[in-house]
Amino acid sequence: MEFDIPNWAAAIIELGIGIAITIIIYKLQSRTAKLTEQLLSKISFMTHRMDSLLEQRRLDEHSKKAFECSRIIDHLEYIRKKEEELKEYLTDYISGDRTSEQLKYFIKQNFMPIAKYRIHEVEDATRQLGDKLNDNNLRLDFLSYIEVFLNLSEMVVVDSNPQNDNDLENFIISINLQLRSIQDFLTRFRKELEQTNNSSI
């Protein structure tokens, strides 16, 4: 004998199955929506964190560049002062106001040690800057200047004696060119510093 389910009972069963399926789908959608919301929240957090890290890195690089440019500027201003003193010493020596012993003492005890220390500091700052300079030629131009500057004082005293007056007069001309180079580098490094300060705002 066949078992027939009355229509109303079948309708209730179908309705129950439909409701159960609807509840399951709703729960799955709810869980999926919750997971999606959590995932989006995590992505948003990671994106914000990454942006913060990139911004901090940018600020750190700008700060480092500003520090190294300032360091170079300070050393260049001191080197300029020392070159002006050397020029004054040479001028006084040529005019007979200073002895060769005073000139040698000034170069070996005052000018050379300070110059070499300052140049070492400037070279280190230049290395620290790496490729952070906006002026692409500044680094190479500056390294060439450093080499010329280091030869500067060694040309004044040869074999422990000052050169003759004509050579020293030419040397004073060379110092004047060096002073112009320093002024040019000061201008260029100040411009780098200004651009860095403006871009970090």
N, C-alpha and C. Protein backbone atom coordinates (compact mmCIF):
# COMPACT_ATOMS: atom_id res chain seq x y z
N MET A 1 0.85 -1.17 0.00
CA MET A 1 0.00 0.00 0.00
C MET A 1 0.90 1.23 0.00
N GLU A 2 0.62 2.09 -0.91
CA GLU A 2 1.42 3.31 -1.04
C GLU A 2 1.04 4.29 0.04
N PHE A 3 2.12 4.98 0.48
CA PHE A 3 1.90 5.99 1.53
C PHE A 3 1.82 7.35 0.88
N ASP A 4 0.69 7.94 0.88
CA ASP A 4 0.50 9.26 0.26
C ASP A 4 0.53 10.33 1.33
N ILE A 5 1.32 11.36 1.03
CA ILE A 5 1.37 12.50 1.94
C ILE A 5 0.34 13.49 1.45
N PRO A 6 -0.49 13.92 2.36
CA PRO A 6 -1.49 14.89 1.94
C PRO A 6 -0.82 16.16 1.42
N ASN A 7 -1.48 16.85 0.58
CA ASN A 7 -0.94 18.06 -0.05
C ASN A 7 -0.53 19.10 0.99
N TRP A 8 -1.35 19.24 1.99
CA TRP A 8 -1.01 20.26 3.00
C TRP A 8 0.26 19.88 3.75
N ALA A 9 0.46 18.57 3.98
CA ALA A 9 1.66 18.11 4.69
C ALA A 9 2.89 18.30 3.79
N ALA A 10 2.72 18.00 2.50
CA ALA A 10 3.82 18.17 1.55
C ALA A 10 4.20 19.65 1.46
N ALA A 11 3.20 20.48 1.48
CA ALA A 11 3.45 21.92 1.42
C ALA A 11 4.22 22.38 2.65
N ILE A 12 3.86 21.84 3.83
CA ILE A 12 4.56 22.21 5.07
C ILE A 12 6.01 21.72 5.01
N ILE A 13 6.20 20.48 4.55
CA ILE A 13 7.57 19.94 4.43
C ILE A 13 8.38 20.79 3.46
N GLU A 14 7.82 21.10 2.31
CA GLU A 14 8.53 21.92 1.32
C GLU A 14 8.83 23.31 1.89
N LEU A 15 7.85 23.83 2.61
CA LEU A 15 8.05 25.15 3.23
C LEU A 15 9.17 25.06 4.27
N GLY A 16 9.16 24.00 5.07
CA GLY A 16 10.22 23.79 6.08
C GLY A 16 11.58 23.66 5.43
N ILE A 17 11.64 22.86 4.35
CA ILE A 17 12.92 22.71 3.62
C ILE A 17 13.35 24.06 3.05
N GLY A 18 12.41 24.79 2.48
CA GLY A 18 12.71 26.12 1.92
C GLY A 18 13.23 27.08 2.98
N ILE A 19 12.55 27.04 4.16
CA ILE A 19 12.99 27.91 5.27
C ILE A 19 14.38 27.51 5.73
N ALA A 20 14.60 26.18 5.86
CA ALA A 20 15.92 25.70 6.30
C ALA A 20 17.01 26.14 5.32
N ILE A 21 16.71 25.97 4.02
CA ILE A 21 17.69 26.39 2.99
C ILE A 21 17.92 27.89 3.06
N THR A 22 16.86 28.65 3.26
CA THR A 22 16.97 30.12 3.36
C THR A 22 17.83 30.51 4.56
N ILE A 23 17.58 29.82 5.70
CA ILE A 23 18.37 30.12 6.91
C ILE A 23 19.83 29.78 6.69
N ILE A 24 20.08 28.61 6.07
CA ILE A 24 21.48 28.21 5.79
C ILE A 24 22.15 29.23 4.87
N ILE A 25 21.44 29.61 3.80
CA ILE A 25 22.00 30.59 2.85
C ILE A 25 22.24 31.92 3.56
N TYR A 26 21.26 32.32 4.40
CA TYR A 26 21.40 33.59 5.12
C TYR A 26 22.63 33.55 6.04
N LYS A 27 22.77 32.42 6.78
CA LYS A 27 23.92 32.29 7.68
C LYS A 27 25.24 32.29 6.90
N LEU A 28 25.24 31.57 5.77
CA LEU A 28 26.46 31.56 4.94
C LEU A 28 26.78 32.96 4.42
N GLN A 29 25.73 33.66 3.95
CA GLN A 29 25.94 35.03 3.45
C GLN A 29 26.38 35.94 4.58
N SER A 30 25.78 35.77 5.74
CA SER A 30 26.14 36.59 6.90
C SER A 30 27.59 36.34 7.30
N ARG A 31 27.97 35.05 7.33
CA ARG A 31 29.34 34.70 7.67
C ARG A 31 30.31 35.23 6.60
N THR A 32 29.93 35.09 5.33
CA THR A 32 30.76 35.58 4.23
C THR A 32 30.89 37.09 4.31
N ALA A 33 29.78 37.78 4.61
CA ALA A 33 29.81 39.24 4.74
C ALA A 33 30.73 39.65 5.89
N LYS A 34 30.63 38.90 7.00
CA LYS A 34 31.47 39.19 8.16
C LYS A 34 32.94 38.97 7.82
N LEU A 35 33.22 37.84 7.15
CA LEU A 35 34.60 37.55 6.73
C LEU A 35 35.10 38.62 5.75
N THR A 36 34.23 39.01 4.83
CA THR A 36 34.60 40.05 3.86
C THR A 36 34.89 41.36 4.58
N GLU A 37 34.02 41.68 5.56
CA GLU A 37 34.23 42.91 6.34
C GLU A 37 35.54 42.86 7.12
N GLN A 38 35.83 41.71 7.73
CA GLN A 38 37.09 41.55 8.47
C GLN A 38 38.29 41.64 7.52
N LEU A 39 38.15 41.01 6.37
CA LEU A 39 39.24 41.03 5.38
C LEU A 39 39.48 42.46 4.89
N LEU A 40 38.38 43.16 4.57
CA LEU A 40 38.51 44.56 4.12
C LEU A 40 39.12 45.43 5.22
N SER A 41 38.73 45.16 6.46
CA SER A 41 39.28 45.91 7.59
C SER A 41 40.79 45.67 7.72
N LYS A 42 41.19 44.38 7.56
CA LYS A 42 42.62 44.05 7.63
C LYS A 42 43.40 44.67 6.48
N ILE A 43 42.80 44.63 5.29
CA ILE A 43 43.45 45.24 4.12
C ILE A 43 43.60 46.74 4.34
N SER A 44 42.53 47.38 4.85
CA SER A 44 42.58 48.82 5.12
C SER A 44 43.66 49.14 6.15
N PHE A 45 43.73 48.33 7.22
CA PHE A 45 44.75 48.53 8.25
C PHE A 45 46.16 48.38 7.68
N MET A 46 46.36 47.31 6.88
CA MET A 46 47.68 47.07 6.29
C MET A 46 48.06 48.18 5.31
N THR A 47 47.06 48.65 4.54
CA THR A 47 47.32 49.75 3.59
C THR A 47 47.70 51.01 4.35
N HIS A 48 46.94 51.30 5.41
CA HIS A 48 47.24 52.48 6.23
C HIS A 48 48.63 52.36 6.86
N ARG A 49 48.94 51.17 7.36
CA ARG A 49 50.25 50.94 7.99
C ARG A 49 51.38 51.09 6.97
N MET A 50 51.15 50.53 5.78
CA MET A 50 52.15 50.64 4.71
C MET A 50 52.35 52.10 4.31
N ASP A 51 51.25 52.84 4.18
CA ASP A 51 51.34 54.28 3.86
C ASP A 51 52.11 55.02 4.95
N SER A 52 51.82 54.67 6.21
CA SER A 52 52.52 55.32 7.33
C SER A 52 54.02 55.02 7.30
N LEU A 53 54.34 53.75 7.03
CA LEU A 53 55.76 53.35 6.96
C LEU A 53 56.47 54.05 5.80
N LEU A 54 55.80 54.14 4.65
CA LEU A 54 56.40 54.82 3.50
C LEU A 54 56.59 56.31 3.78
N GLU A 55 55.59 56.91 4.42
CA GLU A 55 55.69 58.33 4.77
C GLU A 55 56.81 58.56 5.77
N GLN A 56 56.91 57.67 6.76
CA GLN A 56 57.99 57.78 7.76
C GLN A 56 59.35 57.62 7.10
N ARG A 57 59.43 56.69 6.16
CA ARG A 57 60.70 56.48 5.44
C ARG A 57 61.06 57.73 4.63
N ARG A 58 60.04 58.31 3.97
CA ARG A 58 60.28 59.53 3.19
C ARG A 58 60.77 60.65 4.09
N LEU A 59 60.12 60.80 5.25
CA LEU A 59 60.52 61.85 6.19
C LEU A 59 61.93 61.59 6.74
N ASP A 60 62.24 60.31 7.01
CA ASP A 60 63.58 59.96 7.49
C ASP A 60 64.64 60.28 6.45
N GLU A 61 64.35 59.96 5.18
CA GLU A 61 65.30 60.26 4.10
C GLU A 61 65.49 61.76 3.94
N HIS A 62 64.39 62.50 4.03
CA HIS A 62 64.49 63.96 3.93
C HIS A 62 65.29 64.53 5.10
N SER A 63 65.03 63.98 6.29
CA SER A 63 65.75 64.43 7.48
C SER A 63 67.24 64.14 7.36
N LYS A 64 67.56 62.95 6.88
CA LYS A 64 68.97 62.56 6.70
C LYS A 64 69.64 63.45 5.65
N LYS A 65 68.94 63.69 4.54
CA LYS A 65 69.49 64.55 3.49
C LYS A 65 69.72 65.96 4.03
N ALA A 66 68.74 66.48 4.76
CA ALA A 66 68.87 67.84 5.32
C ALA A 66 70.05 67.89 6.29
N PHE A 67 70.21 66.85 7.12
CA PHE A 67 71.32 66.82 8.08
C PHE A 67 72.66 66.81 7.35
N GLU A 68 72.79 65.95 6.33
CA GLU A 68 74.08 65.84 5.62
C GLU A 68 74.39 67.11 4.83
N CYS A 69 73.36 67.72 4.21
CA CYS A 69 73.59 68.98 3.48
C CYS A 69 74.03 70.07 4.46
N SER A 70 73.38 70.12 5.63
CA SER A 70 73.76 71.12 6.64
C SER A 70 75.19 70.87 7.12
N ARG A 71 75.53 69.61 7.28
CA ARG A 71 76.89 69.26 7.72
C ARG A 71 77.92 69.72 6.68
N ILE A 72 77.64 69.48 5.42
CA ILE A 72 78.56 69.91 4.35
C ILE A 72 78.67 71.43 4.34
N ILE A 73 77.54 72.11 4.47
CA ILE A 73 77.54 73.58 4.46
C ILE A 73 78.40 74.12 5.61
N ASP A 74 78.24 73.56 6.81
CA ASP A 74 79.04 74.00 7.97
C ASP A 74 80.53 73.81 7.72
N HIS A 75 80.89 72.64 7.20
CA HIS A 75 82.31 72.37 6.94
C HIS A 75 82.85 73.26 5.82
N LEU A 76 82.04 73.48 4.79
CA LEU A 76 82.49 74.35 3.69
C LEU A 76 82.71 75.79 4.18
N GLU A 77 81.83 76.25 5.03
CA GLU A 77 82.02 77.62 5.56
C GLU A 77 83.31 77.71 6.37
N TYR A 78 83.61 76.66 7.12
CA TYR A 78 84.86 76.65 7.89
C TYR A 78 86.08 76.56 6.96
N ILE A 79 85.97 75.71 5.93
CA ILE A 79 87.07 75.58 4.96
C ILE A 79 87.30 76.93 4.26
N ARG A 80 86.21 77.61 3.91
CA ARG A 80 86.34 78.93 3.28
C ARG A 80 87.10 79.89 4.20
N LYS A 81 86.75 79.87 5.48
CA LYS A 81 87.43 80.72 6.45
C LYS A 81 88.94 80.40 6.49
N LYS A 82 89.26 79.11 6.49
CA LYS A 82 90.67 78.70 6.53
C LYS A 82 91.40 79.08 5.24
N GLU A 83 90.73 78.97 4.11
CA GLU A 83 91.37 79.36 2.85
C GLU A 83 91.62 80.87 2.83
N GLU A 84 90.68 81.63 3.37
CA GLU A 84 90.89 83.08 3.44
C GLU A 84 92.08 83.40 4.36
N GLU A 85 92.20 82.65 5.47
CA GLU A 85 93.36 82.84 6.35
C GLU A 85 94.66 82.48 5.63
N LEU A 86 94.63 81.40 4.86
CA LEU A 86 95.82 80.99 4.11
C LEU A 86 96.20 82.07 3.09
N LYS A 87 95.20 82.60 2.41
CA LYS A 87 95.43 83.67 1.42
C LYS A 87 96.06 84.88 2.11
N GLU A 88 95.53 85.23 3.30
CA GLU A 88 96.07 86.36 4.06
C GLU A 88 97.52 86.09 4.48
N TYR A 89 97.78 84.85 4.93
CA TYR A 89 99.14 84.48 5.32
C TYR A 89 100.10 84.58 4.15
N LEU A 90 99.66 84.10 2.99
CA LEU A 90 100.51 84.15 1.79
C LEU A 90 100.76 85.59 1.37
N THR A 91 99.72 86.40 1.41
CA THR A 91 99.86 87.82 1.03
C THR A 91 100.83 88.51 1.99
N ASP A 92 100.68 88.26 3.28
CA ASP A 92 101.60 88.85 4.28
C ASP A 92 103.02 88.33 4.08
N TYR A 93 103.16 87.07 3.72
CA TYR A 93 104.49 86.49 3.51
C TYR A 93 105.17 87.14 2.30
N ILE A 94 104.42 87.30 1.22
CA ILE A 94 104.99 87.90 0.00
C ILE A 94 105.40 89.35 0.27
N SER A 95 104.58 90.05 1.09
CA SER A 95 104.91 91.46 1.38
C SER A 95 105.99 91.59 2.46
N GLY A 96 106.43 90.45 3.03
CA GLY A 96 107.52 90.47 4.01
C GLY A 96 107.06 90.61 5.45
N ASP A 97 105.75 90.58 5.69
CA ASP A 97 105.24 90.73 7.06
C ASP A 97 105.32 89.43 7.86
N ARG A 98 105.52 88.31 7.17
CA ARG A 98 105.63 87.02 7.88
C ARG A 98 106.87 86.29 7.38
N THR A 99 107.40 85.47 8.26
CA THR A 99 108.59 84.69 7.89
C THR A 99 108.15 83.36 7.29
N SER A 100 109.09 82.68 6.63
CA SER A 100 108.77 81.37 6.07
C SER A 100 108.45 80.38 7.18
N GLU A 101 109.07 80.58 8.35
CA GLU A 101 108.79 79.68 9.48
C GLU A 101 107.34 79.84 9.94
N GLN A 102 106.86 81.10 9.99
CA GLN A 102 105.47 81.34 10.39
C GLN A 102 104.50 80.73 9.37
N LEU A 103 104.85 80.89 8.09
CA LEU A 103 103.99 80.34 7.03
C LEU A 103 103.95 78.81 7.11
N LYS A 104 105.12 78.18 7.26
CA LYS A 104 105.18 76.72 7.36
C LYS A 104 104.40 76.24 8.59
N TYR A 105 104.57 76.95 9.70
CA TYR A 105 103.88 76.55 10.93
C TYR A 105 102.37 76.63 10.73
N PHE A 106 101.92 77.73 10.12
CA PHE A 106 100.49 77.90 9.89
C PHE A 106 99.95 76.76 9.03
N ILE A 107 100.66 76.43 7.96
CA ILE A 107 100.18 75.38 7.04
C ILE A 107 100.19 74.01 7.72
N LYS A 108 101.31 73.68 8.37
CA LYS A 108 101.45 72.33 8.92
C LYS A 108 100.69 72.12 10.22
N GLN A 109 100.56 73.14 11.03
CA GLN A 109 99.91 72.97 12.33
C GLN A 109 98.47 73.44 12.36
N ASN A 110 98.16 74.43 11.55
CA ASN A 110 96.84 75.03 11.62
C ASN A 110 95.98 74.63 10.42
N PHE A 111 96.51 74.82 9.22
CA PHE A 111 95.69 74.64 8.02
C PHE A 111 95.50 73.17 7.65
N MET A 112 96.59 72.42 7.50
CA MET A 112 96.51 71.05 6.99
C MET A 112 95.69 70.11 7.88
N PRO A 113 95.96 70.03 9.19
CA PRO A 113 95.20 69.07 10.00
C PRO A 113 93.69 69.36 10.00
N ILE A 114 93.36 70.65 10.10
CA ILE A 114 91.95 71.04 10.11
C ILE A 114 91.32 70.76 8.75
N ALA A 115 92.06 71.12 7.68
CA ALA A 115 91.54 70.90 6.33
C ALA A 115 91.28 69.42 6.08
N LYS A 116 92.24 68.58 6.47
CA LYS A 116 92.07 67.13 6.23
C LYS A 116 90.91 66.57 7.04
N TYR A 117 90.77 67.02 8.28
CA TYR A 117 89.65 66.55 9.10
C TYR A 117 88.32 66.97 8.47
N ARG A 118 88.25 68.25 8.09
CA ARG A 118 87.00 68.76 7.50
C ARG A 118 86.67 68.05 6.20
N ILE A 119 87.69 67.81 5.37
CA ILE A 119 87.47 67.13 4.10
C ILE A 119 87.00 65.70 4.34
N HIS A 120 87.59 65.05 5.34
CA HIS A 120 87.15 63.69 5.68
C HIS A 120 85.67 63.70 6.06
N GLU A 121 85.26 64.67 6.85
CA GLU A 121 83.86 64.79 7.26
C GLU A 121 82.95 65.07 6.05
N VAL A 122 83.43 65.93 5.17
CA VAL A 122 82.65 66.28 3.98
C VAL A 122 82.51 65.07 3.05
N GLU A 123 83.59 64.31 2.90
CA GLU A 123 83.52 63.10 2.07
C GLU A 123 82.52 62.11 2.65
N ASP A 124 82.53 61.96 3.97
CA ASP A 124 81.59 61.05 4.62
C ASP A 124 80.15 61.52 4.39
N ALA A 125 79.92 62.81 4.55
CA ALA A 125 78.57 63.36 4.34
C ALA A 125 78.13 63.15 2.89
N THR A 126 79.06 63.31 1.95
CA THR A 126 78.75 63.13 0.53
C THR A 126 78.37 61.67 0.26
N ARG A 127 79.10 60.74 0.88
CA ARG A 127 78.76 59.31 0.73
C ARG A 127 77.38 59.03 1.33
N GLN A 128 77.09 59.63 2.48
CA GLN A 128 75.80 59.41 3.13
C GLN A 128 74.64 59.91 2.25
N LEU A 129 74.90 60.97 1.51
CA LEU A 129 73.85 61.51 0.64
C LEU A 129 73.54 60.56 -0.51
N GLY A 130 74.56 59.85 -0.99
CA GLY A 130 74.35 58.91 -2.09
C GLY A 130 73.71 59.59 -3.28
N ASP A 131 72.58 59.05 -3.72
CA ASP A 131 71.89 59.59 -4.91
C ASP A 131 70.67 60.43 -4.53
N LYS A 132 70.68 60.98 -3.33
CA LYS A 132 69.52 61.75 -2.84
C LYS A 132 69.50 63.20 -3.34
N LEU A 133 70.57 63.64 -3.99
CA LEU A 133 70.64 65.03 -4.44
C LEU A 133 69.80 65.24 -5.69
N ASN A 134 69.11 66.37 -5.75
CA ASN A 134 68.32 66.71 -6.94
C ASN A 134 69.23 67.15 -8.08
N ASP A 135 70.31 67.85 -7.74
CA ASP A 135 71.29 68.31 -8.72
C ASP A 135 72.20 67.12 -9.04
N ASN A 136 71.96 66.49 -10.19
CA ASN A 136 72.66 65.25 -10.55
C ASN A 136 74.18 65.40 -10.62
N ASN A 137 74.66 66.59 -11.00
CA ASN A 137 76.10 66.79 -11.16
C ASN A 137 76.79 67.23 -9.88
N LEU A 138 76.02 67.60 -8.89
CA LEU A 138 76.60 68.18 -7.67
C LEU A 138 77.58 67.23 -6.99
N ARG A 139 77.21 65.99 -6.85
CA ARG A 139 78.07 65.03 -6.13
C ARG A 139 79.42 64.88 -6.83
N LEU A 140 79.41 64.66 -8.15
CA LEU A 140 80.67 64.47 -8.89
C LEU A 140 81.49 65.75 -8.91
N ASP A 141 80.84 66.88 -9.12
CA ASP A 141 81.55 68.17 -9.11
C ASP A 141 82.21 68.38 -7.75
N PHE A 142 81.48 68.04 -6.71
CA PHE A 142 81.97 68.27 -5.36
C PHE A 142 83.15 67.35 -5.04
N LEU A 143 83.07 66.10 -5.46
CA LEU A 143 84.18 65.17 -5.23
C LEU A 143 85.44 65.63 -5.97
N SER A 144 85.26 66.21 -7.16
CA SER A 144 86.41 66.76 -7.90
C SER A 144 87.02 67.93 -7.14
N TYR A 145 86.15 68.78 -6.58
CA TYR A 145 86.63 69.92 -5.80
C TYR A 145 87.45 69.45 -4.60
N ILE A 146 86.97 68.43 -3.90
CA ILE A 146 87.66 67.93 -2.71
C ILE A 146 89.09 67.51 -3.06
N GLU A 147 89.23 66.83 -4.18
CA GLU A 147 90.57 66.38 -4.60
C GLU A 147 91.49 67.57 -4.85
N VAL A 148 90.98 68.59 -5.52
CA VAL A 148 91.77 69.80 -5.80
C VAL A 148 92.13 70.49 -4.49
N PHE A 149 91.17 70.57 -3.57
CA PHE A 149 91.42 71.24 -2.30
C PHE A 149 92.53 70.55 -1.51
N LEU A 150 92.53 69.23 -1.50
CA LEU A 150 93.55 68.50 -0.75
C LEU A 150 94.96 68.75 -1.30
N ASN A 151 95.06 69.02 -2.60
CA ASN A 151 96.36 69.32 -3.19
C ASN A 151 96.78 70.77 -2.95
N LEU A 152 95.82 71.58 -2.54
CA LEU A 152 96.04 73.02 -2.40
C LEU A 152 97.22 73.37 -1.50
N SER A 153 97.17 72.94 -0.25
CA SER A 153 98.21 73.35 0.70
C SER A 153 99.55 72.69 0.42
N GLU A 154 99.51 71.49 -0.19
CA GLU A 154 100.77 70.80 -0.50
C GLU A 154 101.55 71.54 -1.57
N MET A 155 100.87 72.38 -2.34
CA MET A 155 101.56 73.14 -3.40
C MET A 155 102.28 74.36 -2.83
N VAL A 156 101.89 74.83 -1.64
CA VAL A 156 102.50 76.04 -1.07
C VAL A 156 103.90 75.74 -0.55
N VAL A 157 104.01 74.65 0.17
CA VAL A 157 105.31 74.30 0.77
C VAL A 157 105.83 73.06 0.06
N VAL A 158 106.96 73.21 -0.61
CA VAL A 158 107.59 72.09 -1.32
C VAL A 158 108.94 71.84 -0.66
N ASP A 159 109.20 70.58 -0.30
CA ASP A 159 110.46 70.22 0.38
C ASP A 159 110.70 71.11 1.60
N SER A 160 109.65 71.33 2.36
CA SER A 160 109.70 72.11 3.62
C SER A 160 110.01 73.58 3.43
N ASN A 161 109.99 74.09 2.22
CA ASN A 161 110.23 75.52 1.97
C ASN A 161 109.09 76.10 1.14
N PRO A 162 108.71 77.33 1.47
CA PRO A 162 107.69 77.98 0.65
C PRO A 162 108.22 78.19 -0.77
N GLN A 163 107.33 78.16 -1.72
CA GLN A 163 107.73 78.40 -3.11
C GLN A 163 108.10 79.88 -3.27
N ASN A 164 108.63 80.20 -4.46
CA ASN A 164 109.02 81.60 -4.68
C ASN A 164 107.78 82.48 -4.82
N ASP A 165 108.02 83.79 -4.74
CA ASP A 165 106.90 84.75 -4.69
C ASP A 165 105.98 84.66 -5.90
N ASN A 166 106.56 84.46 -7.10
CA ASN A 166 105.72 84.38 -8.30
C ASN A 166 104.77 83.18 -8.23
N ASP A 167 105.31 82.06 -7.79
CA ASP A 167 104.47 80.87 -7.66
C ASP A 167 103.39 81.09 -6.59
N LEU A 168 103.77 81.76 -5.52
CA LEU A 168 102.80 82.00 -4.45
C LEU A 168 101.72 82.97 -4.90
N GLU A 169 102.09 83.95 -5.74
CA GLU A 169 101.08 84.87 -6.27
C GLU A 169 100.08 84.10 -7.15
N ASN A 170 100.62 83.18 -7.95
CA ASN A 170 99.72 82.34 -8.76
C ASN A 170 98.85 81.47 -7.85
N PHE A 171 99.46 81.07 -6.75
CA PHE A 171 98.74 80.25 -5.80
C PHE A 171 97.59 81.04 -5.17
N ILE A 172 97.81 82.32 -4.91
CA ILE A 172 96.73 83.16 -4.37
C ILE A 172 95.58 83.24 -5.37
N ILE A 173 95.92 83.32 -6.66
CA ILE A 173 94.89 83.31 -7.70
C ILE A 173 94.11 81.98 -7.63
N SER A 174 94.85 80.88 -7.42
CA SER A 174 94.22 79.57 -7.29
C SER A 174 93.28 79.52 -6.08
N ILE A 175 93.71 80.15 -4.98
CA ILE A 175 92.85 80.19 -3.79
C ILE A 175 91.57 80.98 -4.09
N ASN A 176 91.71 82.08 -4.82
CA ASN A 176 90.52 82.87 -5.19
C ASN A 176 89.54 82.03 -6.00
N LEU A 177 90.07 81.19 -6.90
CA LEU A 177 89.20 80.30 -7.68
C LEU A 177 88.54 79.27 -6.75
N GLN A 178 89.33 78.78 -5.80
CA GLN A 178 88.79 77.83 -4.83
C GLN A 178 87.66 78.47 -4.01
N LEU A 179 87.88 79.71 -3.61
CA LEU A 179 86.85 80.42 -2.82
C LEU A 179 85.56 80.58 -3.63
N ARG A 180 85.72 80.84 -4.94
CA ARG A 180 84.53 80.94 -5.80
C ARG A 180 83.83 79.59 -5.90
N SER A 181 84.65 78.52 -6.00
CA SER A 181 84.06 77.16 -6.04
C SER A 181 83.30 76.88 -4.76
N ILE A 182 83.89 77.24 -3.63
CA ILE A 182 83.21 77.01 -2.35
C ILE A 182 81.88 77.75 -2.32
N GLN A 183 81.88 79.01 -2.77
CA GLN A 183 80.64 79.78 -2.78
C GLN A 183 79.60 79.12 -3.68
N ASP A 184 80.05 78.61 -4.82
CA ASP A 184 79.14 77.91 -5.73
C ASP A 184 78.55 76.66 -5.06
N PHE A 185 79.40 75.89 -4.38
CA PHE A 185 78.92 74.69 -3.70
C PHE A 185 78.00 75.04 -2.53
N LEU A 186 78.34 76.10 -1.82
CA LEU A 186 77.46 76.54 -0.73
C LEU A 186 76.07 76.87 -1.27
N THR A 187 76.02 77.58 -2.39
CA THR A 187 74.75 77.95 -3.01
C THR A 187 73.98 76.69 -3.42
N ARG A 188 74.68 75.75 -4.04
CA ARG A 188 74.01 74.54 -4.53
C ARG A 188 73.52 73.65 -3.39
N PHE A 189 74.33 73.52 -2.34
CA PHE A 189 73.90 72.70 -1.20
C PHE A 189 72.77 73.38 -0.42
N ARG A 190 72.80 74.70 -0.35
CA ARG A 190 71.70 75.42 0.32
C ARG A 190 70.40 75.24 -0.47
N LYS A 191 70.52 75.22 -1.80
CA LYS A 191 69.33 75.00 -2.63
C LYS A 191 68.78 73.60 -2.38
N GLU A 192 69.67 72.60 -2.30
CA GLU A 192 69.24 71.22 -1.99
C GLU A 192 68.53 71.18 -0.63
N LEU A 193 69.11 71.88 0.33
CA LEU A 193 68.55 71.91 1.68
C LEU A 193 67.15 72.55 1.67
N GLU A 194 67.04 73.65 0.94
CA GLU A 194 65.77 74.37 0.85
C GLU A 194 64.71 73.49 0.17
N GLN A 195 65.09 72.82 -0.93
CA GLN A 195 64.15 71.94 -1.62
C GLN A 195 63.71 70.80 -0.72
N THR A 196 64.65 70.26 0.05
CA THR A 196 64.33 69.16 0.96
C THR A 196 63.38 69.63 2.05
N ASN A 197 63.66 70.79 2.63
CA ASN A 197 62.78 71.32 3.68
C ASN A 197 61.39 71.62 3.15
N ASN A 198 61.31 72.14 1.91
CA ASN A 198 60.01 72.45 1.32
C ASN A 198 59.20 71.18 1.00
N SER A 199 59.90 70.13 0.54
CA SER A 199 59.19 68.91 0.15
C SER A 199 58.79 68.05 1.33
N SER A 200 59.39 68.32 2.51
CA SER A 200 59.02 67.51 3.68
C SER A 200 57.86 68.10 4.46
N ILE A 201 57.39 69.25 4.00
CA ILE A 201 56.25 69.90 4.69
C ILE A 201 54.96 69.20 4.28
